[in-house]
Amino acid sequence: MKLKDPGPTIAEAKARGIERISVRGFERRDHEDVKSALREHFASCGRITDITIWFRQTVANIYFVGEGAADKALKLDGSVVAAGGWKVSAEPYPFSEERWIDVVVIRGYDYTSLSDSEVDVAVRDFLSSCGQVIQVMAIKRKGSIVAYIKGFFAGEKVVELNGSYLKGHKVAVTVLTTPFRNRRRITGRNALRIPHPGCE
């Protein structure tokens, strides 16, 4: 499964007038239905380039092109989505100047007979349409793969790969997003949330 090009940098996004908001209010339901309803509801605010919904979440991010589009969209906070009958909660979600990376966890890919370099190539190819893959690590005792990726809303693109196939194996893909500035060592359950030093 290939997604669109990783997209522009934050500076390029601002130069091209890309803005975004965060939307809540819908229950867990078919994502395509929600996206269609949101496109219709926010159509008057500006040209919508993309809508992403995190896996198993009730939060959508809507991307617009056009100066002031996000401000117009925020005025619809509390309005009722005609196609869904639910009240929308719209919040600002501006782009940050901080550098972020995303930690991707892939489960379900049987790599036991492969070398580390073969796993690295396969995973980099799998994630290549989402952003720049910095590092790939196979955690053999847990049967999972961890990859560090950066790019313009790369994490949101990666979650769309959940349930797709990696070299014939249906995989579960989750994302742990961490601000790059956070270099504090974390141990235990949150160990995967540490940005790798090679990501600068």
C-alpha atoms as a PDB file:
ATOM      1  CA  MET A   1       0.000   0.000   0.000  1.00  0.00           C
ATOM      2  CA  LYS A   2       1.541   3.297  -1.087  1.00  0.00           C
ATOM      3  CA  LEU A   3       0.511   6.676   0.235  1.00  0.00           C
ATOM      4  CA  LYS A   4       1.085  10.102  -1.206  1.00  0.00           C
ATOM      5  CA  ASP A   5       4.406  11.921  -1.212  1.00  0.00           C
ATOM      6  CA  PRO A   6       5.662  12.793   2.319  1.00  0.00           C
ATOM      7  CA  GLY A   7       4.827  16.432   1.554  1.00  0.00           C
ATOM      8  CA  PRO A   8       6.436  19.809   2.172  1.00  0.00           C
ATOM      9  CA  THR A   9       8.397  21.030   5.151  1.00  0.00           C
ATOM     10  CA  ILE A  10       6.636  23.160   7.745  1.00  0.00           C
ATOM     11  CA  ALA A  11       8.122  26.297   6.172  1.00  0.00           C
ATOM     12  CA  GLU A  12       6.854  25.242   2.743  1.00  0.00           C
ATOM     13  CA  ALA A  13       3.441  24.449   4.196  1.00  0.00           C
ATOM     14  CA  LYS A  14       3.200  27.951   5.604  1.00  0.00           C
ATOM     15  CA  ALA A  15       4.376  29.471   2.334  1.00  0.00           C
ATOM     16  CA  ARG A  16       1.686  27.532   0.475  1.00  0.00           C
ATOM     17  CA  GLY A  17      -0.978  28.506   3.004  1.00  0.00           C
ATOM     18  CA  ILE A  18      -1.650  25.046   4.439  1.00  0.00           C
ATOM     19  CA  GLU A  19      -3.529  25.201   7.741  1.00  0.00           C
ATOM     20  CA  ARG A  20      -5.100  22.560   9.947  1.00  0.00           C
ATOM     21  CA  ILE A  21      -7.589  22.072  12.749  1.00  0.00           C
ATOM     22  CA  SER A  22      -8.441  19.201  15.068  1.00  0.00           C
ATOM     23  CA  VAL A  23     -12.015  17.921  15.216  1.00  0.00           C
ATOM     24  CA  ARG A  24     -13.845  15.751  17.756  1.00  0.00           C
ATOM     25  CA  GLY A  25     -17.450  14.807  18.362  1.00  0.00           C
ATOM     26  CA  PHE A  26     -17.921  11.679  16.290  1.00  0.00           C
ATOM     27  CA  GLU A  27     -18.059   8.205  17.767  1.00  0.00           C
ATOM     28  CA  ARG A  28     -15.987   5.260  16.551  1.00  0.00           C
ATOM     29  CA  ARG A  29     -17.499   4.549  13.159  1.00  0.00           C
ATOM     30  CA  ASP A  30     -16.439   4.027   9.566  1.00  0.00           C
ATOM     31  CA  HIS A  31     -13.617   6.493   8.879  1.00  0.00           C
ATOM     32  CA  GLU A  32     -14.596   7.051   5.254  1.00  0.00           C
ATOM     33  CA  ASP A  33     -18.121   8.071   6.299  1.00  0.00           C
ATOM     34  CA  VAL A  34     -16.699  10.497   8.854  1.00  0.00           C
ATOM     35  CA  LYS A  35     -14.261  11.980   6.330  1.00  0.00           C
ATOM     36  CA  SER A  36     -17.045  12.440   3.783  1.00  0.00           C
ATOM     37  CA  ALA A  37     -19.276  14.144   6.364  1.00  0.00           C
ATOM     38  CA  LEU A  38     -16.441  16.458   7.469  1.00  0.00           C
ATOM     39  CA  ARG A  39     -15.559  17.407   3.884  1.00  0.00           C
ATOM     40  CA  GLU A  40     -19.152  18.413   3.278  1.00  0.00           C
ATOM     41  CA  HIS A  41     -19.472  20.254   6.587  1.00  0.00           C
ATOM     42  CA  PHE A  42     -16.251  22.295   6.220  1.00  0.00           C
ATOM     43  CA  ALA A  43     -16.359  22.757   2.428  1.00  0.00           C
ATOM     44  CA  SER A  44     -17.227  26.450   2.680  1.00  0.00           C
ATOM     45  CA  CYS A  45     -14.106  27.234   4.748  1.00  0.00           C
ATOM     46  CA  GLY A  46     -11.481  26.515   2.096  1.00  0.00           C
ATOM     47  CA  ARG A  47     -10.093  23.742  -0.056  1.00  0.00           C
ATOM     48  CA  ILE A  48      -9.583  20.611   2.033  1.00  0.00           C
ATOM     49  CA  THR A  49      -6.429  18.773   1.008  1.00  0.00           C
ATOM     50  CA  ASP A  50      -6.515  15.927   3.502  1.00  0.00           C
ATOM     51  CA  ILE A  51      -8.377  14.489   6.481  1.00  0.00           C
ATOM     52  CA  THR A  52      -6.691  12.001   8.780  1.00  0.00           C
ATOM     53  CA  ILE A  53      -8.182  10.005  11.628  1.00  0.00           C
ATOM     54  CA  TRP A  54      -5.981   8.181  14.097  1.00  0.00           C
ATOM     55  CA  PHE A  55      -6.614   4.434  14.325  1.00  0.00           C
ATOM     56  CA  ARG A  56      -9.302   3.600  16.912  1.00  0.00           C
ATOM     57  CA  GLN A  57      -9.567   7.275  17.836  1.00  0.00           C
ATOM     58  CA  THR A  58     -12.312   9.854  17.661  1.00  0.00           C
ATOM     59  CA  VAL A  59     -10.082  12.740  16.589  1.00  0.00           C
ATOM     60  CA  ALA A  60      -9.730  13.962  13.011  1.00  0.00           C
ATOM     61  CA  ASN A  61      -7.186  16.424  11.614  1.00  0.00           C
ATOM     62  CA  ILE A  62      -8.386  18.514   8.676  1.00  0.00           C
ATOM     63  CA  TYR A  63      -5.878  20.230   6.348  1.00  0.00           C
ATOM     64  CA  PHE A  64      -6.893  23.303   4.339  1.00  0.00           C
ATOM     65  CA  VAL A  65      -5.282  25.423   1.657  1.00  0.00           C
ATOM     66  CA  GLY A  66      -6.051  29.114   1.842  1.00  0.00           C
ATOM     67  CA  GLU A  67      -5.270  31.897   4.263  1.00  0.00           C
ATOM     68  CA  GLY A  68      -7.819  32.157   7.035  1.00  0.00           C
ATOM     69  CA  ALA A  69      -9.406  28.771   6.246  1.00  0.00           C
ATOM     70  CA  ALA A  70      -8.696  27.400   9.723  1.00  0.00           C
ATOM     71  CA  ASP A  71     -10.229  30.486  11.361  1.00  0.00           C
ATOM     72  CA  LYS A  72     -13.392  30.025   9.293  1.00  0.00           C
ATOM     73  CA  ALA A  73     -13.518  26.355  10.230  1.00  0.00           C
ATOM     74  CA  LEU A  74     -13.163  27.133  13.936  1.00  0.00           C
ATOM     75  CA  LYS A  75     -16.326  29.245  13.733  1.00  0.00           C
ATOM     76  CA  LEU A  76     -18.234  26.014  13.069  1.00  0.00           C
ATOM     77  CA  ASP A  77     -17.340  24.740  16.541  1.00  0.00           C
ATOM     78  CA  GLY A  78     -20.548  23.465  18.164  1.00  0.00           C
ATOM     79  CA  SER A  79     -22.441  23.153  14.887  1.00  0.00           C
ATOM     80  CA  VAL A  80     -24.211  19.941  13.875  1.00  0.00           C
ATOM     81  CA  VAL A  81     -22.855  17.838  11.022  1.00  0.00           C
ATOM     82  CA  ALA A  82     -25.864  17.257   8.762  1.00  0.00           C
ATOM     83  CA  ALA A  83     -24.575  13.990   7.301  1.00  0.00           C
ATOM     84  CA  GLY A  84     -23.899  12.471  10.717  1.00  0.00           C
ATOM     85  CA  GLY A  85     -26.212  14.280  13.102  1.00  0.00           C
ATOM     86  CA  TRP A  86     -23.439  14.831  15.646  1.00  0.00           C
ATOM     87  CA  LYS A  87     -22.133  18.068  17.110  1.00  0.00           C
ATOM     88  CA  VAL A  88     -18.635  18.945  15.993  1.00  0.00           C
ATOM     89  CA  SER A  89     -15.941  20.248  18.335  1.00  0.00           C
ATOM     90  CA  ALA A  90     -13.292  22.175  16.381  1.00  0.00           C
ATOM     91  CA  GLU A  91      -9.993  23.217  17.961  1.00  0.00           C
ATOM     92  CA  PRO A  92      -6.877  24.995  16.654  1.00  0.00           C
ATOM     93  CA  TYR A  93      -4.039  22.681  15.634  1.00  0.00           C
ATOM     94  CA  PRO A  94      -1.276  24.946  14.262  1.00  0.00           C
ATOM     95  CA  PHE A  95       1.984  23.586  12.895  1.00  0.00           C
ATOM     96  CA  SER A  96       4.880  23.683  15.319  1.00  0.00           C
ATOM     97  CA  GLU A  97       8.343  24.943  14.481  1.00  0.00           C
ATOM     98  CA  GLU A  98       9.773  22.150  16.644  1.00  0.00           C
ATOM     99  CA  ARG A  99      11.318  19.128  14.978  1.00  0.00           C
ATOM    100  CA  TRP A 100       9.362  15.961  15.622  1.00  0.00           C
ATOM    101  CA  ILE A 101       9.995  12.335  14.933  1.00  0.00           C
ATOM    102  CA  ASP A 102       7.591   9.445  15.159  1.00  0.00           C
ATOM    103  CA  VAL A 103       8.339   6.048  16.645  1.00  0.00           C
ATOM    104  CA  VAL A 104       6.587   3.348  14.628  1.00  0.00           C
ATOM    105  CA  VAL A 105       5.905  -0.123  16.035  1.00  0.00           C
ATOM    106  CA  ILE A 106       5.148  -2.898  13.535  1.00  0.00           C
ATOM    107  CA  ARG A 107       3.798  -6.277  14.659  1.00  0.00           C
ATOM    108  CA  GLY A 108       2.802  -9.324  12.635  1.00  0.00           C
ATOM    109  CA  TYR A 109       5.732  -9.430  10.208  1.00  0.00           C
ATOM    110  CA  ASP A 110       7.544 -12.772  10.403  1.00  0.00           C
ATOM    111  CA  TYR A 111      11.177 -11.788   9.953  1.00  0.00           C
ATOM    112  CA  THR A 112      12.758 -14.700  11.852  1.00  0.00           C
ATOM    113  CA  SER A 113      14.385 -16.167   8.734  1.00  0.00           C
ATOM    114  CA  LEU A 114      15.680 -12.807   7.481  1.00  0.00           C
ATOM    115  CA  SER A 115      18.928 -10.984   8.147  1.00  0.00           C
ATOM    116  CA  ASP A 116      18.912  -7.579   9.835  1.00  0.00           C
ATOM    117  CA  SER A 117      19.731  -5.906   6.521  1.00  0.00           C
ATOM    118  CA  GLU A 118      16.808  -7.628   4.774  1.00  0.00           C
ATOM    119  CA  VAL A 119      14.427  -6.480   7.509  1.00  0.00           C
ATOM    120  CA  ASP A 120      15.843  -2.955   7.257  1.00  0.00           C
ATOM    121  CA  VAL A 121      15.277  -2.792   3.490  1.00  0.00           C
ATOM    122  CA  ALA A 122      11.752  -4.229   3.716  1.00  0.00           C
ATOM    123  CA  VAL A 123      10.623  -1.833   6.446  1.00  0.00           C
ATOM    124  CA  ARG A 124      12.209   1.221   4.822  1.00  0.00           C
ATOM    125  CA  ASP A 125      10.382   0.392   1.591  1.00  0.00           C
ATOM    126  CA  PHE A 126       7.119  -0.161   3.493  1.00  0.00           C
ATOM    127  CA  LEU A 127       7.330   3.252   5.202  1.00  0.00           C
ATOM    128  CA  SER A 128       9.022   5.190   2.387  1.00  0.00           C
ATOM    129  CA  SER A 129       5.874   6.982   1.215  1.00  0.00           C
ATOM    130  CA  CYS A 130       5.253   8.382   4.714  1.00  0.00           C
ATOM    131  CA  GLY A 131       8.503  10.214   5.433  1.00  0.00           C
ATOM    132  CA  GLN A 132      12.233   9.778   5.970  1.00  0.00           C
ATOM    133  CA  VAL A 133      13.032   6.536   7.793  1.00  0.00           C
ATOM    134  CA  ILE A 134      15.932   7.190  10.165  1.00  0.00           C
ATOM    135  CA  GLN A 135      16.475   3.797  11.750  1.00  0.00           C
ATOM    136  CA  VAL A 136      14.925   0.318  11.844  1.00  0.00           C
ATOM    137  CA  MET A 137      15.350  -2.102  14.761  1.00  0.00           C
ATOM    138  CA  ALA A 138      14.015  -5.652  15.092  1.00  0.00           C
ATOM    139  CA  ILE A 139      13.052  -6.454  18.701  1.00  0.00           C
ATOM    140  CA  LYS A 140      13.230 -10.233  18.389  1.00  0.00           C
ATOM    141  CA  ARG A 141      12.232 -11.105  21.947  1.00  0.00           C
ATOM    142  CA  LYS A 142       8.971  -9.186  21.436  1.00  0.00           C
ATOM    143  CA  GLY A 143       8.428 -10.148  17.794  1.00  0.00           C
ATOM    144  CA  SER A 144       8.082  -6.522  16.751  1.00  0.00           C
ATOM    145  CA  ILE A 145       9.938  -3.930  14.700  1.00  0.00           C
ATOM    146  CA  VAL A 146      10.600  -0.354  15.766  1.00  0.00           C
ATOM    147  CA  ALA A 147      11.321   2.355  13.203  1.00  0.00           C
ATOM    148  CA  TYR A 148      12.086   6.055  13.613  1.00  0.00           C
ATOM    149  CA  ILE A 149      10.566   8.280  10.930  1.00  0.00           C
ATOM    150  CA  LYS A 150      10.292  12.007  10.345  1.00  0.00           C
ATOM    151  CA  GLY A 151       8.443  14.099   7.819  1.00  0.00           C
ATOM    152  CA  PHE A 152       5.488  16.401   7.317  1.00  0.00           C
ATOM    153  CA  PHE A 153       2.701  14.737   9.408  1.00  0.00           C
ATOM    154  CA  ALA A 154       4.498  11.414   8.791  1.00  0.00           C
ATOM    155  CA  GLY A 155       2.889   9.771  11.809  1.00  0.00           C
ATOM    156  CA  GLU A 156      -0.586  10.459  10.493  1.00  0.00           C
ATOM    157  CA  LYS A 157       0.303   8.786   7.197  1.00  0.00           C
ATOM    158  CA  VAL A 158       1.868   5.805   8.937  1.00  0.00           C
ATOM    159  CA  VAL A 159      -1.313   4.942  10.859  1.00  0.00           C
ATOM    160  CA  GLU A 160      -3.090   4.506   7.529  1.00  0.00           C
ATOM    161  CA  LEU A 161      -0.802   1.511   6.922  1.00  0.00           C
ATOM    162  CA  ASN A 162      -2.336  -0.354   9.847  1.00  0.00           C
ATOM    163  CA  GLY A 163      -3.855  -3.593   8.573  1.00  0.00           C
ATOM    164  CA  SER A 164      -1.962  -3.470   5.268  1.00  0.00           C
ATOM    165  CA  TYR A 165       0.549  -6.041   4.062  1.00  0.00           C
ATOM    166  CA  LEU A 166       4.313  -6.057   4.488  1.00  0.00           C
ATOM    167  CA  LYS A 167       5.900  -8.695   2.220  1.00  0.00           C
ATOM    168  CA  GLY A 168       2.749 -10.822   2.352  1.00  0.00           C
ATOM    169  CA  HIS A 169       2.174 -10.436   6.104  1.00  0.00           C
ATOM    170  CA  LYS A 170      -0.785  -8.457   7.452  1.00  0.00           C
ATOM    171  CA  VAL A 171       0.711  -6.112  10.044  1.00  0.00           C
ATOM    172  CA  ALA A 172      -0.493  -4.000  12.951  1.00  0.00           C
ATOM    173  CA  VAL A 173       1.085  -0.546  12.884  1.00  0.00           C
ATOM    174  CA  THR A 174       1.024   1.884  15.803  1.00  0.00           C
ATOM    175  CA  VAL A 175       2.731   5.238  16.263  1.00  0.00           C
ATOM    176  CA  LEU A 176       4.247   6.867  19.338  1.00  0.00           C
ATOM    177  CA  THR A 177       4.817  10.550  18.614  1.00  0.00           C
ATOM    178  CA  THR A 178       7.474  12.426  20.567  1.00  0.00           C
ATOM    179  CA  PRO A 179       8.780  16.010  20.329  1.00  0.00           C
ATOM    180  CA  PHE A 180      12.398  15.888  19.213  1.00  0.00           C
ATOM    181  CA  ARG A 181      13.568  18.166  22.002  1.00  0.00           C
ATOM    182  CA  ASN A 182      12.654  15.543  24.617  1.00  0.00           C
ATOM    183  CA  ARG A 183      15.913  13.629  25.111  1.00  0.00           C
ATOM    184  CA  ARG A 184      15.287  12.610  28.716  1.00  0.00           C
ATOM    185  CA  ARG A 185      15.952   8.909  29.227  1.00  0.00           C
ATOM    186  CA  ILE A 186      12.769   7.009  29.958  1.00  0.00           C
ATOM    187  CA  THR A 187      12.805   3.398  31.073  1.00  0.00           C
ATOM    188  CA  GLY A 188      10.269   0.630  31.366  1.00  0.00           C
ATOM    189  CA  ARG A 189       6.993   0.769  29.474  1.00  0.00           C
ATOM    190  CA  ASN A 190       7.762   4.150  27.916  1.00  0.00           C
ATOM    191  CA  ALA A 191      11.241   3.294  26.645  1.00  0.00           C
ATOM    192  CA  LEU A 192      10.159   3.427  22.994  1.00  0.00           C
ATOM    193  CA  ARG A 193       9.202   7.051  23.359  1.00  0.00           C
ATOM    194  CA  ILE A 194      12.809   8.228  23.245  1.00  0.00           C
ATOM    195  CA  PRO A 195      13.917   9.993  20.064  1.00  0.00           C
ATOM    196  CA  HIS A 196      17.051   8.356  18.712  1.00  0.00           C
ATOM    197  CA  PRO A 197      20.161  10.585  18.724  1.00  0.00           C
ATOM    198  CA  GLY A 198      20.749   9.862  15.042  1.00  0.00           C
ATOM    199  CA  CYS A 199      17.640  11.786  14.025  1.00  0.00           C
ATOM    200  CA  GLU A 200      19.175  15.247  13.893  1.00  0.00           C
END
